[in-house]
Amino acid sequence: LICCSFLLNQHYNPAFVFLQMMKHAWDNYKRYAWGLNELKPISKQGHSSNLFGNIQGATIVDALDTLYIMEMKEEFKEAKEWVEKNLDFNVNAEISVFEVNIRFVGGLLSAYYLSGEEVFRKKAVELGEKLLPAFNTPTGIPWALLNIKSGIGRNWPWASGGSSILAEFGTLHLEFVHLSHLSGNPVFAEKVMNIRKVLNRLDKPEGLYPNYLNPSSGQWGQHHVSIGGLGDSFYEYLLKAWLMSDKTDEEGKKMYYDAVQAIETHLIRKSSGGLTYIAEWKGGLLEHKMGHLTCFAGGMFALGADGAPNDKTGHHIELGAEIARTCHESYDRTSMKLGPEAFRFDGGVEAIATRQNEKYYILRPEVIETYMYMWRLTHDPKYRQWGWEAVEALEKHCRVDGGYSGIRDVYNNHESHDDVQQSFFLSETLKYLYLLFSEDDLLPFEHWVFNTEAHPLPVLHKDNGNKEENQK
């Protein structure tokens, strides 16, 4: 079950280790699930998620840029050939607009900007056009689910009163601005700018954005606020929209820093043991729980520190460092040294999952993502050390013969694998590890922003028109 011990030998070059990990994940996907969405590494067969409907090849499209960045040229070539011949969007199926956007549209855009291969641009624009009917609602706030053949949309049946979800409709901006840029068709950018108009007209409770918004009435659903699942990447995209615009998108900038101010006031708390965490807000009451997904916020605060108002740059970096430390503790306090899906700060526990259904780890990247940003912005060696601890844990507990699998309970000494190799393991977790140990001039922050699936998109520099495609 455990990989060759050389992988865990610190004398080896980390880049070589990540290359071997990527190769193990990719080769097994290719062997057992080629052309399907994801791999079941224990059963050694394909895994299908209803998020993508009948669209196939999620792992291939999600991994394209990682293969390119790691210079896995043969693998990139075979992936590109599959996209040319087999990536088909003419399917009668309902898809998640958000997931298909961040993984497929984002993956294709990134592959195009890195490699210059026209097929990726063409496919990205074609898919973008297929997603446009999702915006056919009274407010222009898109549906969560869309049948890409019929153009009929709806929302998740469990979402408060037929609402769309903040993290879903708020995580289209970067990709759709690039679709307009690459296609010459302004409609993509107009659709996402309209989402902001709707949000800016609404009253925000305590300056916070609830997770649910009804696309018909244009009113908030229940007042539940989270910087983790259902909310997370909306905030990330406000900041990154400003950075991607070469700091010209003043509206995005203002919305981001105003939101951070409200988050600090109402959601950020310190435990009695001195750990800073981000609680969830339910109709005015705090739930002292933090999700693994929320751990991305450490990197976000640090990335946004430079533009912070009123000399708050140092404060935002410090906030990022504190969130990174809390998330590291959530890993360190488990038997496997991998973090749970959610952890709590109540009933005498700190940074520990107390519910069985929150003890799993599905190869998620957010903690490593924050280490990568903190390393790049501070060069404090502890972030690389923490990243290496995660590598050792992944190799010890998640690596199996047929790839990498998630774990059902990180507090148990014996692995119970969930038998899924998520496509984001190749697009995010392994890429962020690679970048954490690479030089800062690989995808430098002044030229690139990462979408929420870790797909790098170039900053649209106002002075150089289309030259950013040459920013390697």
Protein backbone atom coordinates (compact mmCIF):
# COMPACT_ATOMS: atom_id res chain seq x y z
CA LEU A 1 0.00 0.00 0.00
CA ILE A 2 2.78 2.41 0.85
CA CYS A 3 4.83 3.78 -1.99
CA CYS A 4 8.49 3.35 -2.50
CA SER A 5 10.27 4.79 0.51
CA PHE A 6 12.46 7.01 -1.67
CA LEU A 7 9.49 9.34 -2.10
CA LEU A 8 9.64 10.21 1.57
CA ASN A 9 13.40 10.62 1.66
CA GLN A 10 14.12 14.31 2.14
CA HIS A 11 17.41 14.03 0.24
CA TYR A 12 15.39 13.83 -2.96
CA ASN A 13 14.41 16.91 -4.88
CA PRO A 14 10.77 17.74 -3.95
CA ALA A 15 9.95 18.55 -7.60
CA PHE A 16 10.91 14.97 -8.47
CA VAL A 17 8.63 13.67 -5.71
CA PHE A 18 5.62 15.64 -7.00
CA LEU A 19 6.37 14.50 -10.53
CA GLN A 20 6.29 10.88 -9.34
CA MET A 21 3.03 11.50 -7.47
CA MET A 22 1.44 13.12 -10.53
CA LYS A 23 2.67 10.27 -12.69
CA HIS A 24 1.19 7.68 -10.33
CA ALA A 25 -2.19 9.48 -10.28
CA TRP A 26 -2.21 10.05 -14.06
CA ASP A 27 -0.91 6.65 -15.19
CA ASN A 28 -3.52 4.83 -13.12
CA TYR A 29 -6.31 7.08 -14.35
CA LYS A 30 -5.10 6.35 -17.88
CA ARG A 31 -4.88 2.61 -17.23
CA TYR A 32 -8.25 2.12 -15.55
CA ALA A 33 -10.53 5.07 -16.32
CA TRP A 34 -9.25 6.79 -19.47
CA GLY A 35 -11.83 9.17 -20.94
CA LEU A 36 -14.14 8.82 -17.94
CA ASN A 37 -14.48 11.60 -15.36
CA GLU A 38 -12.56 10.21 -12.41
CA LEU A 39 -10.84 7.08 -11.15
CA LYS A 40 -11.80 4.61 -8.42
CA PRO A 41 -8.25 3.65 -7.40
CA ILE A 42 -9.18 0.63 -5.24
CA SER A 43 -11.78 -0.87 -7.60
CA LYS A 44 -9.57 0.16 -10.54
CA GLN A 45 -12.41 1.48 -12.67
CA GLY A 46 -14.04 4.75 -13.66
CA HIS A 47 -15.99 6.95 -11.25
CA SER A 48 -18.87 9.12 -12.40
CA SER A 49 -20.18 12.14 -10.60
CA ASN A 50 -23.56 13.65 -11.45
CA LEU A 51 -21.90 17.11 -11.34
CA PHE A 52 -20.75 16.74 -14.94
CA GLY A 53 -23.86 15.10 -16.45
CA ASN A 54 -22.72 13.12 -19.49
CA ILE A 55 -19.71 15.31 -20.18
CA GLN A 56 -16.67 13.06 -19.85
CA GLY A 57 -12.96 13.53 -19.21
CA ALA A 58 -12.99 15.75 -16.11
CA THR A 59 -9.63 14.43 -14.90
CA ILE A 60 -8.04 14.99 -18.33
CA VAL A 61 -9.20 18.61 -18.65
CA ASP A 62 -8.51 19.38 -14.98
CA ALA A 63 -4.97 18.00 -15.22
CA LEU A 64 -3.90 19.64 -18.50
CA ASP A 65 -2.15 22.65 -16.97
CA THR A 66 -0.50 20.62 -14.20
CA LEU A 67 0.97 18.27 -16.83
CA TYR A 68 2.18 21.29 -18.79
CA ILE A 69 3.72 23.05 -15.78
CA MET A 70 5.46 19.85 -14.64
CA GLU A 71 6.77 19.41 -18.20
CA MET A 72 5.16 16.01 -18.60
CA LYS A 73 5.17 16.49 -22.37
CA GLU A 74 4.09 13.02 -23.47
CA GLU A 75 1.15 13.02 -21.07
CA PHE A 76 0.14 16.55 -22.08
CA LYS A 77 0.21 15.51 -25.74
CA GLU A 78 -2.05 12.48 -25.15
CA ALA A 79 -4.42 14.64 -23.09
CA LYS A 80 -4.59 17.24 -25.86
CA GLU A 81 -5.30 14.56 -28.45
CA TRP A 82 -8.14 13.21 -26.31
CA VAL A 83 -9.63 16.72 -26.03
CA GLU A 84 -9.40 17.20 -29.82
CA LYS A 85 -11.08 13.90 -30.66
CA ASN A 86 -13.36 13.12 -27.73
CA LEU A 87 -14.34 16.13 -25.61
CA ASP A 88 -17.99 16.53 -26.49
CA PHE A 89 -20.49 19.00 -25.06
CA ASN A 90 -23.44 17.93 -27.22
CA VAL A 91 -24.96 15.81 -24.50
CA ASN A 92 -28.49 15.64 -23.16
CA ALA A 93 -27.63 16.00 -19.49
CA GLU A 94 -27.96 18.23 -16.49
CA ILE A 95 -24.69 19.62 -15.20
CA SER A 96 -23.52 21.80 -12.31
CA VAL A 97 -22.81 25.19 -13.92
CA PHE A 98 -20.25 25.99 -11.20
CA GLU A 99 -18.31 22.70 -11.36
CA VAL A 100 -18.25 22.60 -15.15
CA ASN A 101 -17.11 26.22 -15.24
CA ILE A 102 -14.25 25.92 -12.75
CA ARG A 103 -12.97 22.54 -13.96
CA PHE A 104 -13.72 22.41 -17.69
CA VAL A 105 -13.85 26.08 -18.77
CA GLY A 106 -11.04 26.99 -16.36
CA GLY A 107 -8.93 23.99 -17.36
CA LEU A 108 -9.31 24.69 -21.08
CA LEU A 109 -8.57 28.42 -20.73
CA SER A 110 -5.45 27.70 -18.72
CA ALA A 111 -4.22 25.05 -21.15
CA TYR A 112 -4.70 27.56 -23.97
CA TYR A 113 -2.83 30.39 -22.27
CA LEU A 114 0.07 28.12 -21.30
CA SER A 115 0.43 26.17 -24.55
CA GLY A 116 -1.11 28.46 -27.18
CA GLU A 117 -2.94 25.44 -28.67
CA GLU A 118 -6.03 26.76 -30.46
CA VAL A 119 -8.16 23.67 -29.73
CA PHE A 120 -8.34 24.67 -26.05
CA ARG A 121 -9.56 28.19 -26.82
CA LYS A 122 -12.19 26.88 -29.22
CA LYS A 123 -13.50 24.28 -26.78
CA ALA A 124 -13.58 26.78 -23.89
CA VAL A 125 -15.67 29.27 -25.89
CA GLU A 126 -17.97 26.52 -27.19
CA LEU A 127 -18.62 25.34 -23.63
CA GLY A 128 -19.06 28.92 -22.40
CA GLU A 129 -21.81 29.42 -24.99
CA LYS A 130 -23.55 26.27 -23.79
CA LEU A 131 -23.61 27.65 -20.23
CA LEU A 132 -25.25 30.99 -21.18
CA PRO A 133 -28.89 29.77 -20.87
CA ALA A 134 -28.26 29.30 -17.13
CA PHE A 135 -28.55 33.11 -16.86
CA ASN A 136 -32.10 33.14 -18.28
CA THR A 137 -33.74 34.03 -14.96
CA PRO A 138 -35.75 37.14 -13.98
CA THR A 139 -32.70 38.66 -12.25
CA GLY A 140 -29.90 37.19 -14.38
CA ILE A 141 -28.63 35.31 -11.31
CA PRO A 142 -27.88 31.92 -12.91
CA TRP A 143 -29.38 28.56 -12.08
CA ALA A 144 -27.16 26.01 -10.32
CA LEU A 145 -28.09 23.19 -12.68
CA LEU A 146 -28.51 23.33 -16.44
CA ASN A 147 -29.51 20.83 -19.08
CA ILE A 148 -27.02 21.83 -21.74
CA LYS A 149 -29.10 20.37 -24.56
CA SER A 150 -32.49 21.87 -23.71
CA GLY A 151 -31.15 24.98 -21.97
CA ILE A 152 -33.53 24.39 -19.04
CA GLY A 153 -32.16 25.34 -15.64
CA ARG A 154 -33.18 24.78 -12.02
CA ASN A 155 -31.69 25.05 -8.54
CA TRP A 156 -30.64 22.38 -6.09
CA PRO A 157 -33.83 21.11 -4.42
CA TRP A 158 -32.22 21.44 -0.95
CA ALA A 159 -31.21 25.10 -1.39
CA SER A 160 -33.25 27.52 0.74
CA GLY A 161 -36.52 28.33 -1.03
CA GLY A 162 -35.31 27.62 -4.57
CA SER A 163 -32.24 29.82 -4.18
CA SER A 164 -29.04 29.97 -6.17
CA ILE A 165 -25.86 29.64 -4.11
CA LEU A 166 -23.41 32.48 -3.52
CA ALA A 167 -20.26 30.42 -4.09
CA GLU A 168 -21.69 29.03 -7.33
CA PHE A 169 -22.95 32.15 -9.09
CA GLY A 170 -20.10 34.15 -7.55
CA THR A 171 -17.45 31.88 -9.05
CA LEU A 172 -17.92 32.52 -12.75
CA HIS A 173 -16.35 35.96 -13.01
CA LEU A 174 -12.71 35.17 -13.88
CA GLU A 175 -13.51 32.57 -16.52
CA PHE A 176 -16.31 34.58 -18.16
CA VAL A 177 -14.17 37.74 -18.42
CA HIS A 178 -11.54 35.63 -20.18
CA LEU A 179 -14.16 34.08 -22.46
CA SER A 180 -15.12 37.60 -23.60
CA HIS A 181 -11.45 38.49 -23.99
CA LEU A 182 -10.72 35.43 -26.15
CA SER A 183 -13.93 35.34 -28.18
CA GLY A 184 -14.47 39.07 -28.71
CA ASN A 185 -18.04 38.49 -27.51
CA PRO A 186 -18.89 40.86 -24.63
CA VAL A 187 -21.91 38.81 -23.50
CA PHE A 188 -19.89 36.62 -21.13
CA ALA A 189 -18.47 39.56 -19.19
CA GLU A 190 -21.87 41.31 -19.19
CA LYS A 191 -23.53 38.31 -17.54
CA VAL A 192 -21.09 38.27 -14.62
CA MET A 193 -21.04 42.06 -14.21
CA ASN A 194 -24.84 41.94 -13.87
CA ILE A 195 -24.49 39.55 -10.91
CA ARG A 196 -22.57 42.30 -9.10
CA LYS A 197 -25.28 44.86 -9.92
CA VAL A 198 -27.91 42.64 -8.28
CA LEU A 199 -25.71 42.11 -5.20
CA ASN A 200 -24.90 45.80 -4.84
CA ARG A 201 -28.59 46.74 -4.83
CA LEU A 202 -29.34 44.39 -1.91
CA ASP A 203 -29.08 45.16 1.78
CA LYS A 204 -26.42 43.01 3.38
CA PRO A 205 -27.17 41.88 6.95
CA GLU A 206 -24.28 43.34 9.01
CA GLY A 207 -22.42 43.84 5.72
CA LEU A 208 -22.34 40.04 5.21
CA TYR A 209 -23.45 38.09 2.13
CA PRO A 210 -25.91 35.25 2.85
CA ASN A 211 -25.24 31.99 0.98
CA TYR A 212 -28.68 31.86 -0.68
CA LEU A 213 -30.20 34.25 -3.23
CA ASN A 214 -33.48 33.65 -5.06
CA PRO A 215 -32.95 34.17 -8.82
CA SER A 216 -36.62 35.01 -9.40
CA SER A 217 -37.33 37.47 -6.60
CA GLY A 218 -33.77 38.77 -6.25
CA GLN A 219 -34.06 38.43 -2.46
CA TRP A 220 -31.84 36.59 0.00
CA GLY A 221 -32.91 33.15 1.20
CA GLN A 222 -32.18 32.19 4.80
CA HIS A 223 -29.47 34.25 6.48
CA HIS A 224 -26.68 31.73 6.61
CA VAL A 225 -23.15 33.07 6.01
CA SER A 226 -20.08 30.93 5.45
CA ILE A 227 -16.56 31.50 4.18
CA GLY A 228 -16.44 27.72 3.66
CA GLY A 229 -18.76 25.67 1.45
CA LEU A 230 -21.62 27.65 -0.20
CA GLY A 231 -19.79 30.98 0.25
CA ASP A 232 -16.01 30.54 -0.11
CA SER A 233 -14.97 31.28 -3.68
CA PHE A 234 -17.32 34.27 -4.08
CA TYR A 235 -14.94 36.27 -1.86
CA GLU A 236 -11.87 34.82 -3.56
CA TYR A 237 -13.19 35.95 -6.97
CA LEU A 238 -13.86 39.54 -5.82
CA LEU A 239 -10.19 39.90 -4.90
CA LYS A 240 -8.91 38.02 -7.93
CA ALA A 241 -11.16 39.96 -10.34
CA TRP A 242 -9.41 43.12 -9.15
CA LEU A 243 -5.95 41.53 -9.44
CA MET A 244 -6.74 40.00 -12.85
CA SER A 245 -7.90 43.40 -14.15
CA ASP A 246 -4.41 44.78 -13.42
CA LYS A 247 -6.01 46.47 -10.41
CA THR A 248 -8.46 48.50 -12.48
CA ASP A 249 -11.67 46.76 -11.30
CA GLU A 250 -12.39 49.17 -8.44
CA GLU A 251 -15.85 47.71 -7.82
CA GLY A 252 -14.43 44.23 -7.19
CA LYS A 253 -11.77 45.71 -4.93
CA LYS A 254 -14.26 47.66 -2.82
CA MET A 255 -16.64 44.70 -2.51
CA TYR A 256 -13.76 42.47 -1.37
CA TYR A 257 -12.30 44.75 1.31
CA ASP A 258 -15.77 45.69 2.62
CA ALA A 259 -16.61 41.99 2.89
CA VAL A 260 -13.36 41.21 4.72
CA GLN A 261 -14.11 43.99 7.19
CA ALA A 262 -17.53 42.43 7.94
CA ILE A 263 -16.00 38.93 8.18
CA GLU A 264 -13.44 40.18 10.68
CA THR A 265 -16.08 41.87 12.80
CA HIS A 266 -18.68 39.12 12.81
CA LEU A 267 -17.06 35.76 11.98
CA ILE A 268 -13.38 35.71 12.98
CA ARG A 269 -12.84 34.55 16.53
CA LYS A 270 -9.98 33.34 18.72
CA SER A 271 -10.23 30.11 20.72
CA SER A 272 -9.21 29.94 24.37
CA GLY A 273 -6.10 28.09 23.18
CA GLY A 274 -5.19 31.03 20.94
CA LEU A 275 -6.26 29.66 17.54
CA THR A 276 -7.86 32.12 15.11
CA TYR A 277 -10.79 30.61 13.21
CA ILE A 278 -13.65 31.69 10.95
CA ALA A 279 -17.04 30.70 12.36
CA GLU A 280 -20.31 30.33 10.43
CA TRP A 281 -23.19 32.75 10.95
CA LYS A 282 -26.76 31.48 11.06
CA GLY A 283 -29.38 34.19 11.43
CA GLY A 284 -27.23 36.12 13.85
CA LEU A 285 -25.96 33.12 15.83
CA LEU A 286 -22.41 31.85 15.45
CA GLU A 287 -21.64 28.19 14.86
CA HIS A 288 -18.05 27.63 15.99
CA LYS A 289 -17.15 25.32 13.15
CA MET A 290 -14.63 25.74 10.35
CA GLY A 291 -14.59 23.63 7.19
CA HIS A 292 -11.52 22.39 5.34
CA LEU A 293 -12.80 24.48 2.42
CA THR A 294 -12.54 27.61 4.63
CA CYS A 295 -8.79 27.04 4.94
CA PHE A 296 -8.25 28.66 1.52
CA ALA A 297 -8.94 31.99 3.23
CA GLY A 298 -5.47 32.19 4.80
CA GLY A 299 -3.97 32.42 1.33
CA MET A 300 -6.68 34.86 0.21
CA PHE A 301 -6.05 37.27 3.10
CA ALA A 302 -2.31 37.22 2.41
CA LEU A 303 -2.78 37.66 -1.35
CA GLY A 304 -5.02 40.66 -0.74
CA ALA A 305 -2.75 42.20 1.91
CA ASP A 306 -0.93 44.45 -0.52
CA GLY A 307 -4.04 46.43 -1.46
CA ALA A 308 -5.57 46.53 2.01
CA PRO A 309 -6.85 49.96 3.07
CA ASN A 310 -5.58 52.07 6.00
CA ASP A 311 -2.12 50.55 6.34
CA LYS A 312 -3.63 47.15 7.09
CA THR A 313 -1.20 45.19 4.90
CA GLY A 314 0.68 43.71 7.85
CA HIS A 315 -2.58 42.90 9.59
CA HIS A 316 -3.91 40.93 6.59
CA ILE A 317 -0.64 38.97 6.29
CA GLU A 318 -0.85 38.20 10.01
CA LEU A 319 -4.46 37.06 9.61
CA GLY A 320 -3.37 34.75 6.77
CA ALA A 321 -0.59 33.33 8.96
CA GLU A 322 -3.00 32.71 11.85
CA ILE A 323 -5.52 30.89 9.65
CA ALA A 324 -2.66 28.82 8.19
CA ARG A 325 -1.58 27.84 11.71
CA THR A 326 -5.12 26.86 12.74
CA CYS A 327 -5.52 24.73 9.62
CA HIS A 328 -2.14 23.10 10.23
CA GLU A 329 -3.34 22.27 13.76
CA SER A 330 -6.45 20.61 12.29
CA TYR A 331 -4.05 18.29 10.41
CA ASP A 332 -1.63 17.82 13.28
CA ARG A 333 -4.35 16.78 15.75
CA THR A 334 -5.42 13.73 13.70
CA SER A 335 -3.83 10.27 13.70
CA MET A 336 -3.08 10.48 9.99
CA LYS A 337 -1.82 14.08 9.93
CA LEU A 338 -4.45 14.90 7.29
CA GLY A 339 -7.20 17.38 8.02
CA PRO A 340 -10.88 16.53 8.49
CA GLU A 341 -13.68 17.97 6.35
CA ALA A 342 -14.74 20.23 9.25
CA PHE A 343 -13.48 20.94 12.75
CA ARG A 344 -14.98 22.63 15.77
CA PHE A 345 -14.19 25.03 18.57
CA ASP A 346 -16.79 24.20 21.18
CA GLY A 347 -17.48 21.81 24.03
CA GLY A 348 -13.85 21.94 25.06
CA VAL A 349 -12.38 20.86 21.69
CA GLU A 350 -10.23 22.97 19.39
CA ALA A 351 -9.58 22.30 15.70
CA ILE A 352 -10.95 18.75 15.99
CA ALA A 353 -13.85 17.08 14.15
CA THR A 354 -16.43 15.83 16.63
CA ARG A 355 -18.99 14.40 14.22
CA GLN A 356 -18.42 11.17 12.32
CA ASN A 357 -19.63 12.72 9.06
CA GLU A 358 -16.93 15.45 9.28
CA LYS A 359 -13.91 13.19 9.84
CA TYR A 360 -13.19 12.38 6.21
CA TYR A 361 -10.47 13.74 3.90
CA ILE A 362 -11.09 13.68 0.15
CA LEU A 363 -7.64 14.78 -1.12
CA ARG A 364 -8.62 18.43 -0.73
CA PRO A 365 -6.12 21.21 -1.57
CA GLU A 366 -7.17 24.24 0.49
CA VAL A 367 -4.66 23.92 3.34
CA ILE A 368 -1.76 23.35 0.93
CA GLU A 369 -3.05 26.26 -1.18
CA THR A 370 -2.73 28.55 1.83
CA TYR A 371 0.78 27.22 2.58
CA MET A 372 1.75 28.04 -1.02
CA TYR A 373 0.51 31.64 -0.80
CA MET A 374 2.05 32.15 2.64
CA TRP A 375 5.39 30.77 1.42
CA ARG A 376 5.43 32.99 -1.67
CA LEU A 377 4.47 36.09 0.29
CA THR A 378 6.63 35.60 3.41
CA HIS A 379 9.25 32.91 2.60
CA ASP A 380 8.87 31.56 6.12
CA PRO A 381 10.33 28.01 5.88
CA LYS A 382 7.65 26.52 8.14
CA TYR A 383 5.17 26.56 5.25
CA ARG A 384 7.38 24.23 3.22
CA GLN A 385 7.88 22.06 6.29
CA TRP A 386 4.09 21.85 6.81
CA GLY A 387 3.62 21.09 3.12
CA TRP A 388 6.14 18.27 3.35
CA GLU A 389 4.28 16.82 6.36
CA ALA A 390 1.16 16.69 4.17
CA VAL A 391 3.12 14.94 1.39
CA GLU A 392 4.32 12.28 3.82
CA ALA A 393 0.77 11.74 5.08
CA LEU A 394 -0.64 11.53 1.54
CA GLU A 395 2.00 9.00 0.56
CA LYS A 396 1.50 6.95 3.68
CA HIS A 397 -2.30 6.89 3.85
CA CYS A 398 -3.81 7.91 0.50
CA ARG A 399 -1.49 6.29 -2.03
CA VAL A 400 -2.74 2.87 -3.12
CA ASP A 401 -1.76 0.56 -5.97
CA GLY A 402 -4.29 2.12 -8.31
CA GLY A 403 -3.74 5.83 -7.58
CA TYR A 404 -4.71 8.04 -4.63
CA SER A 405 -7.84 7.65 -2.52
CA GLY A 406 -9.61 9.78 0.05
CA ILE A 407 -9.92 8.56 3.66
CA ARG A 408 -13.15 8.07 5.63
CA ASP A 409 -11.76 8.84 9.10
CA VAL A 410 -8.48 10.68 9.65
CA TYR A 411 -8.60 9.99 13.40
CA ASN A 412 -8.48 6.25 12.91
CA ASN A 413 -5.16 4.43 12.80
CA HIS A 414 -6.36 2.12 10.04
CA GLU A 415 -7.17 3.47 6.59
CA SER A 416 -10.67 3.09 5.30
CA HIS A 417 -10.46 4.41 1.74
CA ASP A 418 -13.38 6.08 -0.03
CA ASP A 419 -12.14 4.78 -3.41
CA VAL A 420 -12.25 8.09 -5.32
CA GLN A 421 -9.32 9.93 -6.91
CA GLN A 422 -10.85 13.39 -7.26
CA SER A 423 -9.95 15.33 -10.42
CA PHE A 424 -8.97 18.28 -8.19
CA PHE A 425 -6.20 16.19 -6.65
CA LEU A 426 -4.35 16.50 -9.97
CA SER A 427 -5.41 20.05 -10.75
CA GLU A 428 -5.03 21.60 -7.29
CA THR A 429 -3.42 19.52 -4.55
CA LEU A 430 -0.42 18.37 -6.60
CA LYS A 431 -0.06 21.70 -8.42
CA TYR A 432 -0.03 23.72 -5.20
CA LEU A 433 2.55 21.35 -3.70
CA TYR A 434 4.70 21.74 -6.81
CA LEU A 435 4.42 25.54 -6.63
CA LEU A 436 5.09 25.58 -2.88
CA PHE A 437 8.52 24.06 -3.57
CA SER A 438 9.26 25.87 -6.86
CA GLU A 439 10.92 29.22 -7.53
CA ASP A 440 8.67 32.29 -7.34
CA ASP A 441 9.15 33.00 -11.04
CA LEU A 442 7.11 29.95 -12.00
CA LEU A 443 3.65 31.48 -12.62
CA PRO A 444 4.51 34.71 -10.75
CA PHE A 445 1.60 36.44 -9.02
CA GLU A 446 2.07 39.69 -10.94
CA HIS A 447 1.23 37.90 -14.19
CA TRP A 448 -1.17 35.15 -13.15
CA VAL A 449 -4.19 34.57 -10.92
CA PHE A 450 -5.45 31.08 -10.11
CA ASN A 451 -9.10 30.24 -10.49
CA THR A 452 -10.68 28.34 -7.64
CA GLU A 453 -9.66 25.03 -9.26
CA ALA A 454 -6.01 26.25 -9.39
CA HIS A 455 -6.12 26.96 -13.13
CA PRO A 456 -3.79 29.91 -13.83
CA LEU A 457 -5.29 32.75 -15.89
CA PRO A 458 -3.18 35.69 -17.05
CA VAL A 459 -3.59 39.18 -15.64
CA LEU A 460 -5.17 41.32 -18.37
CA HIS A 461 -2.59 44.08 -18.46
CA LYS A 462 -4.16 47.27 -19.75
CA ASP A 463 -1.03 48.37 -21.58
CA ASN A 464 -0.35 45.30 -23.67
CA GLY A 465 -3.57 44.15 -25.27
CA ASN A 466 -3.12 40.50 -26.17
CA LYS A 467 0.50 40.19 -25.17
CA GLU A 468 -0.33 38.45 -21.93
CA GLU A 469 -0.61 35.20 -23.87
CA ASN A 470 3.18 35.30 -24.12
CA GLN A 471 3.63 35.65 -20.35
CA LYS A 472 4.99 32.20 -19.66
